[in-house]
């Protein structure tokens, strides 16, 4: 399993893509909760 290309070619893109994916997940969850509370008030 050659891991040299993925680990040594673009370390900055990998370190930047993980927080971006996490941020998108958090924003998606916040939007889902907001829509749930707006359209389905308890």
N, C-alpha and C. Protein backbone atom coordinates (compact mmCIF):
# COMPACT_ATOMS: atom_id res chain seq x y z
N UNK A 1 0.85 -1.20 0.00
CA UNK A 1 0.00 0.00 0.00
C UNK A 1 0.88 1.25 0.00
N UNK A 2 1.03 1.88 -1.14
CA UNK A 2 1.86 3.10 -1.21
C UNK A 2 1.15 4.29 -0.59
N UNK A 3 1.71 4.79 0.52
CA UNK A 3 1.09 5.91 1.21
C UNK A 3 1.94 7.17 1.08
N UNK A 4 2.97 7.13 0.22
CA UNK A 4 3.86 8.27 0.10
C UNK A 4 3.18 9.41 -0.65
N UNK A 5 2.38 9.06 -1.66
CA UNK A 5 1.74 10.09 -2.48
C UNK A 5 0.71 10.86 -1.67
N UNK A 6 -0.06 10.15 -0.85
CA UNK A 6 -1.15 10.79 -0.12
C UNK A 6 -0.62 11.54 1.11
N UNK A 7 0.50 11.11 1.67
CA UNK A 7 0.97 11.69 2.92
C UNK A 7 2.01 12.78 2.68
N UNK A 8 2.73 12.72 1.54
CA UNK A 8 3.82 13.66 1.34
C UNK A 8 3.55 14.66 0.22
N UNK A 9 2.57 14.37 -0.64
CA UNK A 9 2.31 15.28 -1.76
C UNK A 9 1.54 16.51 -1.30
N UNK A 10 0.40 16.30 -0.66
CA UNK A 10 -0.47 17.42 -0.27
C UNK A 10 -0.88 17.29 1.20
N UNK A 11 0.02 17.55 2.12
CA UNK A 11 -0.37 17.48 3.53
C UNK A 11 -1.27 18.64 3.93
N UNK A 12 -1.06 19.80 3.28
CA UNK A 12 -1.86 20.96 3.65
C UNK A 12 -3.31 20.78 3.21
N UNK A 13 -3.52 20.19 2.03
CA UNK A 13 -4.89 20.00 1.55
C UNK A 13 -5.63 18.99 2.42
N UNK A 14 -4.90 17.98 2.89
CA UNK A 14 -5.54 16.97 3.76
C UNK A 14 -5.90 17.61 5.10
N UNK A 15 -4.99 18.41 5.66
CA UNK A 15 -5.26 19.02 6.96
C UNK A 15 -6.34 20.09 6.85
N UNK A 16 -6.53 20.63 5.64
CA UNK A 16 -7.57 21.65 5.46
C UNK A 16 -8.91 21.02 5.14
N UNK A 17 -8.90 19.87 4.48
CA UNK A 17 -10.16 19.26 4.05
C UNK A 17 -10.91 18.66 5.24
N UNK A 18 -10.19 18.15 6.23
CA UNK A 18 -10.86 17.53 7.37
C UNK A 18 -11.68 18.54 8.18
N UNK A 19 -11.12 19.71 8.54
CA UNK A 19 -11.94 20.70 9.24
C UNK A 19 -13.09 21.21 8.38
N UNK A 20 -12.89 21.28 7.07
CA UNK A 20 -13.97 21.74 6.19
C UNK A 20 -15.12 20.75 6.21
N UNK A 21 -14.80 19.47 6.16
CA UNK A 21 -15.86 18.45 6.21
C UNK A 21 -16.57 18.50 7.55
N UNK A 22 -15.81 18.67 8.62
CA UNK A 22 -16.41 18.75 9.95
C UNK A 22 -17.30 19.99 10.06
N UNK A 23 -16.84 21.11 9.51
CA UNK A 23 -17.63 22.34 9.57
C UNK A 23 -18.91 22.18 8.78
N UNK A 24 -18.81 21.55 7.61
CA UNK A 24 -20.03 21.32 6.81
C UNK A 24 -21.00 20.44 7.57
N UNK A 25 -20.48 19.43 8.28
CA UNK A 25 -21.34 18.53 9.05
C UNK A 25 -22.03 19.31 10.16
N UNK A 26 -21.28 20.16 10.85
CA UNK A 26 -21.85 20.94 11.97
C UNK A 26 -22.90 21.91 11.45
N UNK A 27 -22.59 22.59 10.33
CA UNK A 27 -23.55 23.54 9.77
C UNK A 27 -24.82 22.81 9.33
N UNK A 28 -24.63 21.63 8.75
CA UNK A 28 -25.80 20.85 8.31
C UNK A 28 -26.66 20.47 9.52
N UNK A 29 -26.01 20.07 10.61
CA UNK A 29 -26.76 19.70 11.81
C UNK A 29 -27.49 20.91 12.39
N UNK A 30 -26.81 22.06 12.41
CA UNK A 30 -27.44 23.28 12.95
C UNK A 30 -28.65 23.67 12.11
N UNK A 31 -28.51 23.57 10.79
CA UNK A 31 -29.64 23.91 9.91
C UNK A 31 -30.79 22.93 10.14
N UNK A 32 -30.46 21.65 10.31
CA UNK A 32 -31.52 20.65 10.55
C UNK A 32 -32.24 20.95 11.87
N UNK A 33 -31.48 21.29 12.92
CA UNK A 33 -32.11 21.58 14.21
C UNK A 33 -32.94 22.86 14.12
N UNK A 34 -32.42 23.85 13.40
CA UNK A 34 -33.16 25.11 13.26
C UNK A 34 -34.48 24.88 12.53
N UNK A 35 -34.45 24.11 11.45
CA UNK A 35 -35.68 23.85 10.70
C UNK A 35 -36.64 23.03 11.54
N UNK A 36 -36.11 22.10 12.34
CA UNK A 36 -36.98 21.29 13.19
C UNK A 36 -37.69 22.17 14.22
N UNK A 37 -36.95 23.10 14.84
CA UNK A 37 -37.56 23.94 15.87
C UNK A 37 -38.46 25.01 15.27
N UNK A 38 -38.15 25.43 14.03
CA UNK A 38 -38.98 26.47 13.40
C UNK A 38 -40.29 25.89 12.90
N UNK A 39 -40.21 24.72 12.24
CA UNK A 39 -41.41 24.17 11.62
C UNK A 39 -42.15 23.20 12.55
N UNK A 40 -41.51 22.81 13.65
CA UNK A 40 -42.16 21.88 14.58
C UNK A 40 -41.93 22.35 16.01
N UNK A 41 -42.53 23.46 16.41
CA UNK A 41 -42.32 23.99 17.76
C UNK A 41 -42.94 23.09 18.81
N UNK A 42 -42.22 22.94 19.91
CA UNK A 42 -42.71 22.08 20.98
C UNK A 42 -43.51 22.90 21.99
